[in-house]
Amino acid sequence: MSDLNQPASNSNYQPTRHHRPEDGTVASKGMMDYVKTCFNKYADFNGRARRSEFWYFYLFNIIVFFALYIPVIALLVAESDLVILPGILLGIYGLGVILPTLAVIVRRLHDTGRSGWYYLMALIPLVGNIILLIFWVEDSKPGTNEWGPNPKAMAQDNFENDAFV
């Protein structure tokens, strides 16, 4: 029986890495790195987005919405007149992330080899959203497609090149 603490000998998995030029170390790319990428590409509907970029941005938005919604609920329960303040913040944030969210959705669909117009499937009740969920959890299409090179392969190449710096 194999030791569960040891990686599988035939595993090809390598985490995404990037090079930190200030100290020469190689570190894993974290959630906030992907969130920053989404906000930096807030209106970029070209290219491809990895699953990790898409899902970390999605998770970040859920966390922020809950953090802003909890005070709304608390103030509603307390029957306070101040309930409007966190509600306004919630609305402003919601409006602020519409464009980056649409952009990362389109780039994610591009990564699976599909046009961003597939997002219109969300207009089909229930079935459209289930199909989109399946598309969003699919792995990247290997190689270069009409929307650019595979970001997963580029990250692995960067890791391999940076590992020997």
Protein backbone atom coordinates (compact mmCIF):
# COMPACT_ATOMS: atom_id res chain seq x y z
CA MET A 1 0.00 0.00 0.00
CA SER A 2 1.35 3.42 -0.94
CA ASP A 3 2.03 6.17 1.53
CA LEU A 4 -0.70 8.82 1.27
CA ASN A 5 1.74 11.59 2.21
CA GLN A 6 3.89 10.92 -0.85
CA PRO A 7 2.95 12.22 -4.32
CA ALA A 8 2.00 9.64 -6.91
CA SER A 9 5.02 8.58 -8.91
CA ASN A 10 3.22 8.96 -12.22
CA SER A 11 1.67 12.33 -11.37
CA ASN A 12 2.27 15.11 -13.90
CA TYR A 13 0.65 17.75 -11.70
CA GLN A 14 2.60 20.94 -11.10
CA PRO A 15 1.05 23.91 -9.31
CA THR A 16 1.02 27.28 -11.02
CA ARG A 17 4.14 29.23 -10.11
CA HIS A 18 5.50 32.66 -10.78
CA HIS A 19 8.90 34.18 -10.25
CA ARG A 20 9.49 36.86 -7.64
CA PRO A 21 12.35 38.94 -9.01
CA GLU A 22 13.02 40.81 -5.75
CA ASP A 23 14.22 37.74 -3.86
CA GLY A 24 14.61 35.12 -6.60
CA THR A 25 12.13 32.68 -5.06
CA VAL A 26 9.34 30.82 -6.82
CA ALA A 27 5.91 31.03 -5.19
CA SER A 28 2.46 29.65 -5.89
CA LYS A 29 -0.04 32.00 -7.48
CA GLY A 30 -2.80 32.64 -4.96
CA MET A 31 -6.41 33.73 -4.94
CA MET A 32 -5.70 37.46 -4.76
CA ASP A 33 -3.30 37.22 -7.72
CA TYR A 34 -6.13 35.82 -9.84
CA VAL A 35 -8.58 38.43 -8.52
CA LYS A 36 -6.11 41.21 -9.41
CA THR A 37 -5.76 39.69 -12.87
CA CYS A 38 -9.53 39.81 -13.36
CA PHE A 39 -9.75 43.43 -12.24
CA ASN A 40 -6.74 44.39 -14.39
CA LYS A 41 -8.44 42.75 -17.38
CA TYR A 42 -11.84 44.18 -16.40
CA ALA A 43 -12.89 44.95 -19.99
CA ASP A 44 -10.70 42.44 -21.84
CA PHE A 45 -12.98 40.04 -23.69
CA ASN A 46 -10.07 38.57 -25.69
CA GLY A 47 -7.82 35.74 -24.62
CA ARG A 48 -8.38 32.87 -22.24
CA ALA A 49 -8.93 32.45 -18.50
CA ARG A 50 -7.96 29.35 -16.54
CA ARG A 51 -10.41 27.61 -14.25
CA SER A 52 -8.52 28.89 -11.22
CA GLU A 53 -8.77 32.52 -12.41
CA PHE A 54 -12.50 32.15 -13.04
CA TRP A 55 -13.41 30.29 -9.85
CA TYR A 56 -11.22 32.39 -7.52
CA PHE A 57 -12.85 35.54 -8.90
CA TYR A 58 -16.27 33.95 -8.45
CA LEU A 59 -15.42 32.96 -4.85
CA PHE A 60 -14.07 36.44 -4.11
CA ASN A 61 -17.33 38.00 -5.30
CA ILE A 62 -19.39 35.63 -3.14
CA ILE A 63 -17.28 36.50 -0.08
CA VAL A 64 -17.60 40.25 -0.71
CA PHE A 65 -21.36 40.03 -1.30
CA PHE A 66 -21.84 38.09 1.94
CA ALA A 67 -19.61 40.52 3.84
CA LEU A 68 -21.72 43.42 2.57
CA TYR A 69 -25.03 41.61 3.00
CA ILE A 70 -24.56 40.59 6.65
CA PRO A 71 -24.83 44.21 7.90
CA VAL A 72 -27.96 44.65 5.76
CA ILE A 73 -29.60 41.67 7.50
CA ALA A 74 -28.45 42.83 10.95
CA LEU A 75 -29.81 46.33 10.39
CA LEU A 76 -33.08 44.95 9.01
CA VAL A 77 -33.52 42.80 12.11
CA ALA A 78 -32.76 45.81 14.31
CA GLU A 79 -35.26 47.84 12.26
CA SER A 80 -32.65 50.54 11.83
CA ASP A 81 -32.89 53.41 9.38
CA LEU A 82 -29.21 52.87 8.54
CA VAL A 83 -30.01 49.75 6.48
CA ILE A 84 -29.71 51.88 3.36
CA LEU A 85 -25.94 52.43 3.78
CA PRO A 86 -24.70 48.82 3.36
CA GLY A 87 -27.42 48.36 0.74
CA ILE A 88 -25.93 51.22 -1.27
CA LEU A 89 -22.43 49.72 -0.91
CA LEU A 90 -23.78 46.36 -2.05
CA GLY A 91 -25.36 47.98 -5.10
CA ILE A 92 -22.21 49.94 -5.97
CA TYR A 93 -20.04 46.83 -5.70
CA GLY A 94 -22.53 44.82 -7.77
CA LEU A 95 -22.48 47.42 -10.52
CA GLY A 96 -18.69 47.64 -10.31
CA VAL A 97 -18.10 43.94 -10.93
CA ILE A 98 -20.55 43.45 -13.82
CA LEU A 99 -17.97 44.18 -16.53
CA PRO A 100 -15.06 42.21 -14.98
CA THR A 101 -17.41 39.27 -14.36
CA LEU A 102 -18.67 39.26 -17.95
CA ALA A 103 -15.08 39.53 -19.21
CA VAL A 104 -13.80 36.58 -17.16
CA ILE A 105 -16.85 34.50 -18.17
CA VAL A 106 -16.13 35.16 -21.85
CA ARG A 107 -12.41 34.40 -21.42
CA ARG A 108 -13.30 31.17 -19.57
CA LEU A 109 -15.56 30.09 -22.43
CA HIS A 110 -12.72 30.92 -24.84
CA ASP A 111 -10.43 28.67 -22.80
CA THR A 112 -12.80 25.76 -23.37
CA GLY A 113 -12.82 26.46 -27.12
CA ARG A 114 -16.19 28.22 -27.22
CA SER A 115 -17.34 31.67 -28.24
CA GLY A 116 -18.36 34.12 -25.54
CA TRP A 117 -21.80 34.20 -27.13
CA TYR A 118 -22.44 30.86 -25.41
CA TYR A 119 -23.08 32.91 -22.28
CA LEU A 120 -26.48 33.77 -23.75
CA MET A 121 -27.43 30.22 -22.77
CA ALA A 122 -27.93 31.66 -19.28
CA LEU A 123 -31.20 33.04 -20.63
CA ILE A 124 -32.55 29.48 -20.94
CA PRO A 125 -34.08 28.72 -17.53
CA LEU A 126 -32.23 26.03 -15.52
CA VAL A 127 -30.89 24.03 -18.48
CA GLY A 128 -28.77 26.90 -19.81
CA ASN A 129 -27.12 27.48 -16.44
CA ILE A 130 -26.39 23.78 -15.98
CA ILE A 131 -24.75 23.62 -19.40
CA LEU A 132 -22.69 26.74 -18.63
CA LEU A 133 -21.59 25.22 -15.32
CA ILE A 134 -20.37 22.15 -17.20
CA PHE A 135 -18.46 24.39 -19.63
CA TRP A 136 -16.91 26.37 -16.77
CA VAL A 137 -15.58 23.28 -14.96
CA GLU A 138 -14.09 21.77 -18.12
CA ASP A 139 -10.34 21.69 -18.44
CA SER A 140 -8.56 24.04 -20.82
CA LYS A 141 -8.39 22.97 -24.43
CA PRO A 142 -4.76 22.03 -25.07
CA GLY A 143 -2.61 24.09 -27.38
CA THR A 144 -3.41 27.37 -29.03
CA ASN A 145 -6.95 28.10 -30.17
CA GLU A 146 -8.41 31.12 -31.96
CA TRP A 147 -8.35 33.11 -28.69
CA GLY A 148 -4.69 32.53 -27.89
CA PRO A 149 -2.27 30.11 -26.25
CA ASN A 150 -3.31 27.80 -23.42
CA PRO A 151 -2.75 29.75 -20.16
CA LYS A 152 -2.24 26.51 -18.24
CA ALA A 153 0.62 25.47 -20.52
CA MET A 154 2.13 28.96 -20.30
CA ALA A 155 2.05 28.81 -16.48
CA GLN A 156 3.73 25.40 -16.48
CA ASP A 157 6.40 26.67 -18.90
CA ASN A 158 7.02 29.68 -16.64
CA PHE A 159 7.34 27.36 -13.64
CA GLU A 160 9.84 25.12 -15.42
CA ASN A 161 11.90 28.11 -16.60
CA ASP A 162 11.78 29.86 -13.22
CA ALA A 163 12.63 26.71 -11.28
CA PHE A 164 16.20 26.86 -12.53
CA VAL A 165 16.82 30.58 -11.95
